[in-house]
Protein backbone atom coordinates (compact mmCIF):
# COMPACT_ATOMS: atom_id res chain seq x y z
CA MET A 1 -85.94 -34.29 -67.38
CA PRO A 2 -85.63 -37.58 -65.61
CA GLY A 3 -88.99 -38.30 -63.53
CA PHE A 4 -89.32 -38.80 -60.09
CA LEU A 5 -88.68 -42.28 -60.67
CA GLY A 6 -85.99 -41.61 -62.70
CA VAL A 7 -84.04 -39.39 -60.10
CA CYS A 8 -84.60 -41.46 -57.53
CA GLY A 9 -82.42 -44.58 -59.09
CA ARG A 10 -80.13 -42.59 -59.70
CA LEU A 11 -79.88 -41.29 -56.44
CA LEU A 12 -80.06 -45.07 -55.14
CA LYS A 13 -77.58 -46.25 -57.65
CA HIS A 14 -74.46 -43.93 -57.23
CA GLY A 15 -75.67 -43.05 -53.56
CA GLN A 16 -74.66 -46.96 -52.37
CA ILE A 17 -71.58 -46.39 -54.46
CA LEU A 18 -70.08 -43.51 -52.78
CA CYS A 19 -71.71 -45.38 -48.96
CA ILE A 20 -69.63 -48.61 -49.86
CA TYR A 21 -67.10 -47.43 -51.28
CA PRO A 22 -66.59 -43.52 -49.53
CA ALA A 23 -62.82 -42.84 -49.52
CA ALA A 24 -62.98 -43.20 -53.03
CA PHE A 25 -64.75 -40.19 -53.46
CA GLU A 26 -62.47 -38.04 -51.39
CA ASP A 27 -60.90 -35.21 -53.11
CA SER A 28 -57.72 -35.49 -54.10
CA GLU A 29 -56.47 -32.61 -51.33
CA GLU A 30 -58.33 -34.90 -49.11
CA LYS A 31 -56.26 -37.88 -50.26
CA VAL A 32 -52.88 -35.66 -49.93
CA SER A 33 -53.84 -34.53 -46.58
CA SER A 34 -53.98 -37.91 -45.29
CA TYR A 35 -51.10 -39.70 -47.36
CA SER A 36 -48.21 -40.86 -45.44
CA ILE A 37 -45.75 -43.95 -46.11
CA PRO A 38 -44.56 -43.67 -42.33
CA ASP A 39 -41.08 -43.20 -42.01
CA GLY A 40 -40.69 -45.35 -38.66
CA LEU A 41 -41.04 -48.16 -41.50
CA SER A 42 -37.96 -51.39 -41.50
CA TYR A 43 -38.47 -52.55 -44.61
CA GLU A 44 -38.26 -51.05 -48.05
CA GLU A 45 -41.30 -50.26 -49.94
CA SER A 46 -41.98 -49.98 -53.69
CA GLU A 47 -45.03 -48.45 -56.10
CA VAL A 48 -45.83 -50.74 -58.46
CA THR A 49 -48.01 -50.14 -61.27
CA ILE A 50 -50.85 -52.73 -62.36
CA THR A 51 -53.10 -52.46 -65.29
CA ALA A 52 -56.52 -54.05 -64.89
CA SER A 53 -58.39 -56.16 -67.60
CA ASP A 54 -59.95 -52.70 -68.66
CA ASN A 55 -56.65 -51.06 -68.63
CA VAL A 56 -57.14 -48.82 -65.46
CA GLN A 57 -54.22 -48.52 -62.99
CA LEU A 58 -53.75 -49.28 -60.25
CA LYS A 59 -51.01 -47.84 -57.62
CA CYS A 60 -50.06 -50.43 -55.21
CA LEU A 61 -47.13 -51.02 -52.80
CA LEU A 62 -44.90 -53.60 -52.57
CA LEU A 63 -43.21 -54.13 -49.40
CA ARG A 64 -39.98 -56.71 -49.59
CA ALA A 65 -38.72 -59.36 -46.77
CA SER A 66 -35.53 -59.35 -48.31
CA GLY A 67 -34.25 -57.48 -45.01
CA PRO A 68 -34.49 -53.93 -42.94
CA ARG A 69 -34.49 -50.46 -44.43
CA SER A 70 -31.01 -48.87 -44.64
CA LYS A 71 -29.77 -46.24 -42.95
CA GLN A 72 -30.33 -43.83 -45.44
CA LYS A 73 -33.56 -43.69 -46.26
CA SER A 74 -35.24 -43.32 -49.45
CA GLN A 75 -36.07 -39.67 -50.38
CA ARG A 76 -40.40 -39.25 -50.85
CA PRO A 77 -41.96 -36.30 -50.85
CA SER A 78 -43.12 -34.57 -47.63
CA LYS A 79 -46.85 -35.39 -46.10
CA GLN A 80 -48.96 -34.80 -43.08
CA ASN A 81 -49.53 -37.77 -41.34
CA VAL A 82 -52.29 -40.63 -41.55
CA THR A 83 -55.20 -39.47 -40.05
CA GLU A 84 -55.22 -41.30 -36.37
CA MET A 85 -59.17 -42.03 -36.69
CA LYS A 86 -58.46 -43.69 -40.02
CA SER A 87 -55.36 -45.27 -39.62
CA ARG A 88 -54.11 -49.01 -38.96
CA ARG A 89 -51.02 -47.32 -37.36
CA PRO A 90 -50.59 -49.11 -33.78
CA SER A 91 -51.36 -47.05 -30.74
CA GLU A 92 -47.78 -45.97 -28.76
CA GLN A 93 -48.44 -48.73 -26.17
CA ASN A 94 -48.87 -51.28 -29.20
CA VAL A 95 -45.62 -50.14 -31.34
CA MET A 96 -43.49 -53.19 -32.04
CA GLU A 97 -40.03 -52.29 -31.39
CA MET A 98 -37.27 -53.92 -32.77
CA GLN A 99 -34.97 -56.28 -30.46
CA GLU A 100 -31.90 -57.29 -31.39
CA GLU A 101 -31.47 -61.08 -30.59
CA GLY A 102 -29.56 -62.19 -33.25
CA PRO A 103 -29.38 -62.90 -36.99
CA SER A 104 -32.21 -64.73 -37.74
CA SER A 105 -34.96 -64.68 -35.32
CA VAL A 106 -36.20 -61.44 -33.46
CA SER A 107 -39.79 -61.44 -31.54
CA THR A 108 -41.49 -58.64 -31.10
CA ARG A 109 -45.38 -58.38 -29.83
CA GLY A 110 -46.66 -61.80 -31.60
CA VAL A 111 -44.17 -61.09 -34.96
CA GLN A 112 -41.87 -63.61 -35.06
CA VAL A 113 -39.49 -61.65 -37.10
CA ARG A 114 -37.69 -64.20 -40.21
CA SER A 115 -34.30 -64.21 -41.75
CA ASN A 116 -33.92 -62.13 -45.22
CA SER A 117 -35.38 -65.26 -47.48
CA SER A 118 -38.79 -64.93 -47.99
CA ARG A 119 -41.33 -67.94 -47.20
CA ALA A 120 -44.08 -66.79 -48.97
CA THR A 121 -46.07 -64.09 -50.79
CA VAL A 122 -49.40 -61.87 -49.32
CA ILE A 123 -51.69 -60.63 -51.44
CA SER A 124 -53.40 -57.70 -49.11
CA PHE A 125 -56.62 -55.74 -50.13
CA HIS A 126 -57.67 -53.06 -47.54
CA GLY A 127 -61.44 -52.05 -46.17
CA ASN A 128 -63.39 -49.16 -47.84
CA GLY A 129 -62.25 -46.54 -45.69
CA TYR A 130 -59.13 -46.55 -45.95
CA HIS A 131 -55.99 -45.73 -48.82
CA VAL A 132 -53.22 -48.54 -49.35
CA TRP A 133 -50.89 -46.14 -47.15
CA HIS A 134 -53.18 -46.87 -43.95
CA HIS A 135 -52.28 -50.45 -44.13
CA ALA A 136 -48.59 -49.95 -44.46
CA TYR A 137 -47.70 -50.81 -40.58
CA SER A 138 -49.70 -54.03 -40.95
CA GLY A 139 -47.89 -55.22 -44.16
CA GLU A 140 -44.87 -54.00 -42.77
CA ASN A 141 -45.28 -56.71 -39.83
CA PHE A 142 -46.12 -59.52 -42.62
CA ALA A 143 -42.46 -58.42 -44.45
CA ARG A 144 -41.04 -59.03 -40.92
CA MET A 145 -42.18 -62.45 -40.56
CA GLY A 146 -40.99 -63.00 -43.96
CA CYS A 147 -43.62 -62.47 -46.34
CA ASP A 148 -43.17 -59.90 -49.38
CA THR A 149 -46.16 -58.18 -49.36
CA LEU A 150 -48.51 -56.77 -51.98
CA LEU A 151 -51.05 -53.98 -51.03
CA VAL A 152 -53.69 -53.49 -53.30
CA SER A 153 -54.87 -49.75 -54.10
CA TYR A 154 -58.14 -50.47 -55.66
CA ARG A 155 -59.76 -48.18 -58.38
CA GLY A 156 -60.66 -44.81 -57.29
CA TYR A 157 -58.54 -45.60 -54.08
CA GLY A 158 -55.11 -43.65 -53.42
CA HIS A 159 -53.42 -42.65 -56.56
CA SER A 160 -55.00 -45.37 -59.00
CA GLU A 161 -57.52 -44.41 -61.71
CA GLY A 162 -61.11 -45.37 -62.37
CA ARG A 163 -63.91 -45.36 -60.41
CA PRO A 164 -64.83 -48.73 -57.69
CA SER A 165 -67.72 -51.26 -58.17
CA GLU A 166 -67.98 -54.99 -57.52
CA LYS A 167 -66.71 -55.83 -60.96
CA GLY A 168 -64.16 -53.49 -60.91
CA LEU A 169 -62.75 -54.53 -57.71
CA ARG A 170 -62.94 -57.96 -59.06
CA ARG A 171 -60.90 -56.71 -62.05
CA ASP A 172 -58.39 -55.37 -59.92
CA ALA A 173 -57.89 -58.32 -56.99
CA GLN A 174 -57.34 -60.43 -60.12
CA ALA A 175 -54.93 -58.38 -61.73
CA ALA A 176 -52.94 -58.10 -58.72
CA LEU A 177 -52.53 -61.88 -58.81
CA ASN A 178 -51.69 -61.70 -62.13
CA TYR A 179 -48.94 -59.67 -61.63
CA VAL A 180 -47.32 -61.74 -58.41
CA LEU A 181 -47.96 -64.94 -60.78
CA ALA A 182 -45.93 -63.21 -63.53
CA ASP A 183 -43.09 -61.82 -61.63
CA PRO A 184 -40.26 -65.31 -61.23
CA GLU A 185 -39.43 -64.45 -57.77
CA LEU A 186 -42.62 -63.52 -55.70
CA SER A 187 -44.71 -66.49 -57.70
CA GLN A 188 -42.29 -68.85 -56.24
CA LYS A 189 -43.58 -68.77 -53.14
CA PRO A 190 -46.94 -70.07 -51.55
CA ILE A 191 -49.35 -67.07 -52.22
CA VAL A 192 -51.68 -66.23 -49.25
CA ILE A 193 -54.50 -63.62 -49.83
CA HIS A 194 -55.35 -61.30 -46.68
CA GLY A 195 -58.26 -59.14 -46.44
CA HIS A 196 -59.65 -56.77 -44.15
CA SER A 197 -63.62 -55.72 -44.26
CA LEU A 198 -64.69 -55.14 -47.38
CA GLY A 199 -61.11 -56.17 -48.50
CA GLY A 200 -62.01 -59.72 -46.80
CA ALA A 201 -64.69 -59.96 -49.38
CA VAL A 202 -62.59 -59.09 -52.09
CA ALA A 203 -60.21 -61.49 -50.79
CA ILE A 204 -62.85 -64.78 -50.65
CA ASP A 205 -63.64 -63.93 -53.98
CA LEU A 206 -60.45 -63.90 -55.36
CA VAL A 207 -59.75 -67.18 -53.82
CA SER A 208 -62.99 -68.42 -54.97
CA ARG A 209 -62.13 -68.04 -58.74
CA ASN A 210 -58.07 -69.00 -58.12
CA SER A 211 -57.64 -71.66 -55.99
CA SER A 212 -55.22 -73.23 -57.98
CA GLN A 213 -53.09 -70.01 -57.67
CA THR A 214 -53.40 -70.07 -54.03
CA GLN A 215 -52.39 -71.43 -51.13
CA GLY A 216 -54.10 -69.88 -48.04
CA LEU A 217 -56.77 -67.13 -47.22
CA ILE A 218 -56.43 -64.58 -43.89
CA ILE A 219 -60.14 -62.81 -43.57
CA GLU A 220 -60.33 -60.28 -40.68
CA ASN A 221 -63.94 -58.56 -39.79
CA THR A 222 -65.63 -59.14 -42.90
CA PHE A 223 -69.14 -59.86 -43.65
CA LEU A 224 -71.69 -62.07 -44.74
CA SER A 225 -72.70 -59.88 -47.85
CA ILE A 226 -73.69 -56.08 -48.14
CA PRO A 227 -77.68 -56.28 -47.89
CA LEU A 228 -76.73 -58.54 -44.53
CA VAL A 229 -74.62 -55.85 -43.02
CA VAL A 230 -77.65 -53.20 -43.92
CA LYS A 231 -80.49 -55.44 -43.00
CA ASP A 232 -78.92 -54.57 -39.46
CA LEU A 233 -79.54 -51.00 -39.98
CA PRO A 234 -83.26 -49.89 -38.73
CA PHE A 235 -83.33 -47.27 -41.28
CA LEU A 236 -82.01 -49.03 -44.17
CA ARG A 237 -83.15 -52.34 -43.83
CA HIS A 238 -86.28 -51.81 -45.99
CA LEU A 239 -83.40 -51.14 -49.27
CA THR A 240 -82.09 -54.43 -49.31
CA LEU A 241 -83.61 -55.11 -52.89
CA PHE A 242 -82.11 -52.56 -54.28
CA ILE A 243 -78.42 -53.06 -53.31
CA HIS A 244 -76.45 -53.55 -56.30
CA GLN A 245 -73.19 -54.18 -54.95
CA THR A 246 -74.09 -57.09 -53.02
CA TRP A 247 -70.57 -59.03 -52.67
CA GLU A 248 -71.93 -62.54 -51.23
CA SER A 249 -69.13 -63.57 -49.22
CA GLN A 250 -71.37 -66.58 -47.88
CA GLU A 251 -72.10 -67.99 -51.47
CA ARG A 252 -68.89 -67.40 -52.56
CA ILE A 253 -66.48 -69.09 -49.62
CA LEU A 254 -68.40 -72.31 -50.46
CA LYS A 255 -66.52 -72.77 -53.94
CA ILE A 256 -62.99 -72.38 -52.34
CA PRO A 257 -61.82 -76.31 -51.52
CA ARG A 258 -61.93 -77.71 -48.12
CA THR A 259 -57.98 -78.12 -48.78
CA THR A 260 -57.61 -74.78 -49.11
CA PRO A 261 -56.42 -73.51 -45.54
CA ILE A 262 -58.42 -70.47 -43.98
CA LEU A 263 -57.80 -68.27 -41.00
CA MET A 264 -60.72 -66.01 -39.63
CA ILE A 265 -59.89 -63.33 -37.38
CA GLY A 266 -62.91 -61.18 -35.72
CA GLY A 267 -63.09 -58.68 -33.01
CA LYS A 268 -65.30 -59.34 -30.82
CA LYS A 269 -66.24 -55.57 -30.12
CA ASP A 270 -66.54 -54.64 -33.79
CA ASP A 271 -69.14 -51.81 -34.04
CA VAL A 272 -68.63 -51.57 -38.01
CA ILE A 273 -69.69 -55.15 -38.92
CA PRO A 274 -70.94 -57.33 -35.42
CA GLU A 275 -68.55 -60.25 -34.87
CA LYS A 276 -71.88 -62.58 -35.81
CA HIS A 277 -70.59 -61.94 -39.62
CA MET A 278 -67.37 -63.85 -38.61
CA ARG A 279 -68.74 -66.52 -36.98
CA GLU A 280 -71.99 -67.23 -39.53
CA LEU A 281 -69.37 -67.36 -42.26
CA TRP A 282 -66.85 -69.62 -40.38
CA LYS A 283 -70.08 -72.06 -39.52
CA ILE A 284 -70.87 -72.12 -43.86
CA SER A 285 -67.03 -72.43 -44.42
CA ARG A 286 -67.13 -76.05 -42.62
CA ASN A 287 -69.57 -77.37 -45.29
CA ARG A 288 -67.54 -75.77 -48.74
CA CYS A 289 -67.75 -78.09 -51.62
CA THR A 290 -69.67 -80.36 -50.23
CA ASN A 291 -73.17 -81.53 -51.19
CA GLU A 292 -74.03 -79.80 -48.20
CA ILE A 293 -73.59 -76.64 -50.04
CA ASN A 294 -76.74 -75.26 -48.88
CA ALA A 295 -76.52 -76.48 -45.28
CA HIS A 296 -75.77 -72.95 -43.92
CA GLU A 297 -79.35 -71.96 -44.55
CA LYS A 298 -80.73 -74.07 -42.26
CA GLU A 299 -81.42 -73.00 -38.44
CA THR A 300 -78.53 -74.84 -36.57
CA LYS A 301 -79.36 -75.38 -32.71
CA GLY A 302 -77.24 -73.95 -30.59
CA TRP A 303 -74.77 -71.81 -32.46
CA SER A 304 -76.25 -68.33 -30.41
CA THR A 305 -74.26 -69.90 -27.61
CA PHE A 306 -70.82 -70.04 -29.76
CA SER A 307 -69.03 -67.09 -28.03
CA CYS A 308 -65.06 -65.82 -27.19
CA GLY A 309 -65.67 -67.65 -23.84
CA GLY A 310 -65.60 -70.82 -25.61
CA ILE A 311 -68.80 -72.79 -26.83
CA ARG A 312 -71.56 -73.51 -24.49
CA GLY A 313 -74.59 -75.49 -25.21
CA ILE A 314 -73.83 -76.75 -28.01
CA ASP A 315 -74.42 -80.50 -28.70
CA GLU A 316 -71.71 -82.87 -29.74
CA GLU A 317 -72.08 -83.33 -33.50
CA GLU A 318 -72.49 -79.65 -33.82
CA SER A 319 -69.32 -78.70 -31.90
CA THR A 320 -67.40 -81.06 -34.52
CA LYS A 321 -68.59 -78.68 -37.03
CA VAL A 322 -66.98 -75.69 -35.88
CA GLY A 323 -63.96 -77.03 -34.07
CA ASN A 324 -62.62 -79.78 -31.12
CA ARG A 325 -59.53 -77.96 -30.34
CA GLN A 326 -59.98 -74.78 -28.66
CA SER A 327 -57.36 -72.74 -26.18
CA ALA A 328 -57.30 -69.45 -24.79
CA GLY A 329 -55.90 -66.48 -26.70
CA THR A 330 -53.59 -63.87 -24.89
CA ASP A 331 -55.85 -61.19 -24.70
CA GLY A 332 -59.05 -63.86 -23.44
CA GLY A 333 -60.53 -64.26 -27.26
CA ASP A 334 -60.83 -67.63 -28.28
CA THR A 335 -59.38 -70.09 -30.80
CA GLN A 336 -60.74 -73.09 -32.43
CA ASP A 337 -59.10 -75.35 -35.12
CA ASP A 338 -61.10 -77.94 -37.32
CA ASP A 339 -59.81 -81.47 -36.84
CA SER A 340 -61.43 -82.64 -40.32
CA SER A 341 -58.50 -84.58 -42.55
CA ASP A 342 -59.71 -82.02 -44.97
CA LEU A 343 -60.43 -78.68 -42.78
CA LYS A 344 -57.59 -79.62 -40.74
CA LYS A 345 -55.74 -76.65 -41.11
CA ASP A 346 -58.54 -73.95 -40.75
CA ILE A 347 -58.36 -71.32 -37.57
CA TYR A 348 -60.65 -69.08 -36.30
CA LEU A 349 -59.27 -66.67 -33.83
CA CYS A 350 -62.21 -64.13 -31.62
CA VAL A 351 -59.99 -61.25 -30.42
CA ALA A 352 -61.72 -60.45 -26.77
CA ASN A 353 -60.64 -56.88 -27.34
CA GLY A 354 -60.38 -56.23 -31.32
CA THR A 355 -62.39 -53.80 -32.91
CA HIS A 356 -62.79 -53.18 -36.44
CA ALA A 357 -59.68 -50.84 -37.05
CA ASP A 358 -57.63 -52.70 -34.31
CA THR A 359 -57.95 -55.95 -34.11
CA TRP A 360 -54.77 -56.69 -35.78
CA THR A 361 -52.34 -54.51 -33.14
CA SER A 362 -53.56 -57.86 -30.81
CA GLU A 363 -50.26 -59.72 -29.94
CA GLU A 364 -52.09 -62.80 -30.56
CA TYR A 365 -53.40 -61.99 -34.21
CA TRP A 366 -49.54 -61.88 -35.13
CA THR A 367 -48.88 -65.27 -33.32
CA MET A 368 -51.53 -67.11 -34.98
CA VAL A 369 -50.57 -65.79 -38.63
CA ASP A 370 -47.24 -66.74 -38.02
CA ARG A 371 -48.61 -70.59 -37.45
CA PHE A 372 -51.15 -70.45 -40.30
CA ILE A 373 -48.44 -69.12 -42.62
CA SER A 374 -45.85 -71.68 -41.11
CA SER A 375 -48.37 -74.49 -41.06
CA ILE A 376 -48.87 -73.50 -45.15
CA CYS A 377 -44.56 -73.34 -46.12
CA SER A 378 -43.90 -76.46 -43.96
CA GLY A 379 -47.18 -78.61 -45.34
CA ASP A 380 -47.57 -79.66 -41.49
CA ALA A 381 -51.29 -79.88 -39.87
């Protein structure tokens, strides 16, 4: 039998895997009970199998922007609806219903519906407490905007094989990008990487390693690193030295070229990952790929006054770092663009009423996503 320390070591090792990737450890009945590709989707979806470098098979979803679903829907097994607590399905008041205004452009709540031709390819990574089908509605909004969208299911999640780990999820992300690059249609358009929560860390890592193959990054309600999230938890802060699933986004984002545009979206009312993580990532990203690579480790005078209401008490030099142009969002949030020549497409959006799970239902979320993707596709500032 292993000694006491050995038992504690195993508990620490496997326990944190379970805590960091909880949905992957649901039993098959739990996964089946929450499985649903909602019938309300307007675009055809297909399941694609992607094989990672260690031969783990991932069951992902691909939404094509080629046009709305035909009236005769594809036959699928009848499953229970996605649990509301975990779903990114919009609430009734946030459902974005189509309004027929013409064949090529229809305005919905923040979603500009484009013509049948696809303008970009989006690879989307979900959070740690979700499965790929929970992101079907937000994926559909990308499709409505004219983006072919690959919703990636990590190893152990959904119907994918394997067991999750930081190394494994990095392989999964690379396999997803390789799949897109090998596709004769998906690879011909700008490739934008999107991630929510843990998926934001996956997205940052992928772009940092494949900057020449990706044209944009969108991250939502993500963190600086796992240890820094745990550090804010009173009963766990002393265990940070034992964390081996670190996801060091604050270091990896510095490897992304300044010419790669980044859109960061933070929910002010996020009580899972405080919005301060997003604000600090934004500040750090201002110094990416420069000689100031360690500048984020120094204290920045006045930074704590940056909030959704605007920037108050920040001196002129610091104001330049975090962005010169500000505009109030429709939900009372704050939007910032960076005017420096090589960061001019970077945007930070704070959604004032956004929580960890529903920031994406904000109208200004999709308005800003559309603007960001348009700037990438057109080459405009």
